[in-house]
Every structure is written in structure tokens, then in C-alpha cells.
Protein backbone atom coordinates (compact mmCIF):
# COMPACT_ATOMS: atom_id res chain seq x y z
CA MET A 1 -15.96 -2.67 17.98
CA ALA A 2 -12.99 -0.35 18.40
CA LEU A 3 -10.84 -2.69 16.28
CA TRP A 4 -13.29 -2.24 13.39
CA GLY A 5 -12.82 1.51 13.68
CA VAL A 6 -9.04 1.11 13.57
CA PHE A 7 -9.41 -1.20 10.56
CA ALA A 8 -11.71 1.24 8.72
CA SER A 9 -9.51 4.26 9.40
CA ALA A 10 -6.38 2.35 8.33
CA PHE A 11 -8.06 1.11 5.16
CA ALA A 12 -9.31 4.58 4.22
CA ALA A 13 -5.93 6.15 5.00
CA ALA A 14 -4.29 3.86 2.43
CA THR A 15 -6.43 5.33 -0.34
CA ILE A 16 -6.12 8.81 -1.78
CA LEU A 17 -8.35 10.13 1.00
CA PRO A 18 -6.38 12.46 3.29
CA LEU A 19 -7.11 10.56 6.50
CA ALA A 20 -4.85 9.65 9.38
CA SER A 21 -5.07 6.26 11.03
CA GLU A 22 -2.43 6.87 13.68
CA VAL A 23 -4.71 8.61 16.16
CA PRO A 24 -7.35 5.86 16.43
CA LEU A 25 -4.58 3.27 16.76
CA ALA A 26 -2.74 5.22 19.45
CA LEU A 27 -5.94 5.90 21.39
CA LEU A 28 -6.92 2.23 21.36
CA VAL A 29 -3.46 1.08 22.42
CA ARG A 30 -3.38 3.64 25.24
CA ARG A 31 -6.88 2.75 26.39
CA ASP A 32 -6.44 -1.04 26.37
CA GLY A 33 -2.71 -1.28 27.01
CA GLU A 34 -2.49 -3.93 24.31
CA LEU A 35 -0.29 -3.75 21.24
CA PHE A 36 -0.60 -6.94 19.17
CA TRP A 37 -4.21 -6.89 17.94
CA PRO A 38 -4.53 -3.15 17.27
CA VAL A 39 -1.25 -3.13 15.32
CA THR A 40 -2.21 -6.28 13.41
CA VAL A 41 -5.66 -4.94 12.53
CA ALA A 42 -4.31 -1.52 11.49
CA THR A 43 -1.62 -3.16 9.35
CA LEU A 44 -4.16 -5.44 7.69
CA GLY A 45 -6.58 -2.58 6.99
CA ASN A 46 -3.84 -0.35 5.60
CA PHE A 47 -2.43 -3.18 3.49
CA LEU A 48 -5.85 -4.03 2.03
CA GLY A 49 -6.42 -0.36 1.21
CA ALA A 50 -3.06 -0.32 -0.56
CA CYS A 51 -4.06 -3.50 -2.42
CA THR A 52 -7.10 -1.66 -3.75
CA THR A 53 -4.94 1.17 -5.07
CA TYR A 54 -2.41 -1.32 -6.48
CA ALA A 55 -5.14 -3.27 -8.31
CA LEU A 56 -6.70 -0.12 -9.77
CA ALA A 57 -3.32 1.13 -10.99
CA ARG A 58 -2.45 -2.25 -12.47
CA ALA A 59 -5.78 -2.41 -14.31
CA ALA A 60 -5.40 1.15 -15.58
CA ALA A 61 -1.87 0.42 -16.80
CA SER A 62 -3.13 -2.66 -18.64
CA ARG A 63 -5.75 -0.59 -20.42
CA VAL A 64 -3.20 2.06 -21.37
CA GLN A 65 -0.83 -0.63 -22.65
CA ALA A 66 -3.59 -2.15 -24.74
CA HIS A 67 -3.93 1.17 -26.57
CA ALA A 68 -0.24 2.04 -26.76
CA GLU A 69 2.79 0.36 -28.25
CA GLN A 70 4.99 0.85 -25.20
CA ARG A 71 4.72 0.59 -21.43
CA PRO A 72 3.76 3.76 -19.61
CA SER A 73 6.81 5.91 -19.12
CA GLY A 74 7.71 8.92 -17.07
CA ARG A 75 10.15 10.08 -14.47
CA ALA A 76 8.27 8.64 -11.52
CA LEU A 77 7.92 5.21 -13.11
CA ALA A 78 11.60 5.23 -14.12
CA TRP A 79 12.54 6.13 -10.53
CA PHE A 80 10.44 3.30 -9.19
CA GLN A 81 11.94 0.84 -11.63
CA ARG A 82 15.43 1.98 -10.62
CA TYR A 83 14.93 1.52 -6.88
CA GLY A 84 12.45 -1.30 -7.21
CA ALA A 85 10.10 -3.00 -4.83
CA PRO A 86 12.09 -2.22 -1.63
CA SER A 87 10.92 1.38 -1.98
CA LEU A 88 7.50 0.05 -0.92
CA LEU A 89 8.89 0.04 2.63
CA LEU A 90 7.95 3.72 2.43
CA SER A 91 4.37 3.04 1.30
CA TRP A 92 3.18 4.36 4.66
CA VAL A 93 4.46 7.90 4.00
CA PRO A 94 1.46 10.22 3.52
CA LEU A 95 0.74 11.00 -0.15
CA ALA A 96 4.14 9.78 -1.40
CA GLY A 97 3.33 6.27 -0.25
CA ASP A 98 0.13 6.26 -2.29
CA GLY A 99 2.21 7.24 -5.31
CA LEU A 100 4.59 4.35 -4.68
CA VAL A 101 1.67 1.92 -4.54
CA VAL A 102 0.28 3.30 -7.81
CA LEU A 103 3.72 2.97 -9.42
CA ALA A 104 4.03 -0.61 -8.19
CA GLY A 105 0.73 -1.44 -9.84
CA ALA A 106 1.61 0.39 -13.05
CA ALA A 107 5.02 -1.30 -13.15
CA ARG A 108 3.24 -4.64 -12.69
CA ILE A 109 5.35 -5.63 -9.70
CA PRO A 110 4.31 -9.19 -8.78
CA PHE A 111 1.65 -9.18 -6.07
CA ALA A 112 3.69 -11.37 -3.70
CA THR A 113 6.64 -8.96 -3.93
CA PHE A 114 4.35 -5.96 -3.50
CA SER A 115 2.71 -7.61 -0.49
CA THR A 116 5.95 -8.52 1.24
CA TRP A 117 7.53 -5.07 1.10
CA THR A 118 4.27 -3.23 1.80
CA ILE A 119 3.34 -5.32 4.85
CA ILE A 120 6.83 -4.96 6.32
CA GLY A 121 6.80 -1.17 5.89
CA LYS A 122 3.27 -0.62 7.14
CA GLY A 123 3.62 -3.13 9.98
CA ALA A 124 6.84 -1.53 11.22
CA ARG A 125 5.19 1.90 11.17
CA TYR A 126 2.14 0.78 13.14
CA ALA A 127 4.30 -1.18 15.59
CA ALA A 128 6.36 1.97 16.23
CA ILE A 129 3.22 4.08 16.71
CA GLY A 130 1.71 1.51 19.06
CA TRP A 131 4.92 1.15 21.04
CA LEU A 132 5.17 4.94 21.42
CA ALA A 133 1.52 5.11 22.50
CA LEU A 134 2.29 2.66 25.31
CA ARG A 135 5.39 4.55 26.41
CA VAL A 136 4.25 8.16 26.28
């Protein structure tokens, strides 16, 4: 049951809701002394939450493009296009990460590319949090 709580908090934290998923993960890792499943579940929940944001942004960008002659523009989108998909390694950063996910959807980054960079970034973050929870 505790894994479902970690999943739910990680999913919600990947949306625009100002929630933190680190505490439930760290508490579960400390309590059970196990790293693999809590980190995997938190990563999956956070990734699926990011997928929701990505899909909404991609759909919104498609609608805007249908009513405009050009792709959406702006400084943030230009920045994302300059640094590209590897910037999704930072998709875990509070607030800024949500913006990166939105930009990835708006820029129509292929889903496989989005998934690869996002899972690596989020997984590394949760692995570090879990490892610290075991050591502290």
C-alpha cells in the first residue's frame, strides 16, 4: 500500500501541483531499507505525470498551430529548441522541470526521445534521494 502512496505523490508532483514526492519516497526507503522498488515506482509515477503534461502541451500546440500560420514562438521555446531534448534531464527540477516538459510537448519532441531523457533524469534523482535516505 505504501508503494501506491509513493506512486500517487510522484505522479501528482509531476503536474503543476506544488507537491513534493521526495519525503514519501525517503520515508519508505528508510522504513523498509529497500531501494529498488520504491525508486522504480516513484520514477514511473513521476514519468507518467510528466507524460500527462507533455500530451496536454502537445495537443494545445496542435490546436494553436491549426489556427496560426507558424509554430508557436517565444524565448522559452527557442531556448528549448537550442538545447534540445537533453535538457529534459532537468525535468525533475521543481517548477522549471514542468516548463521543460510543456516545451517538449509544444516543440513536438518525439515521444521516445522525450521518454528516454525524462526517465533518465527522474530516475537518477529518485535513486540519489533513495540512496541518501539509506545512508543518513
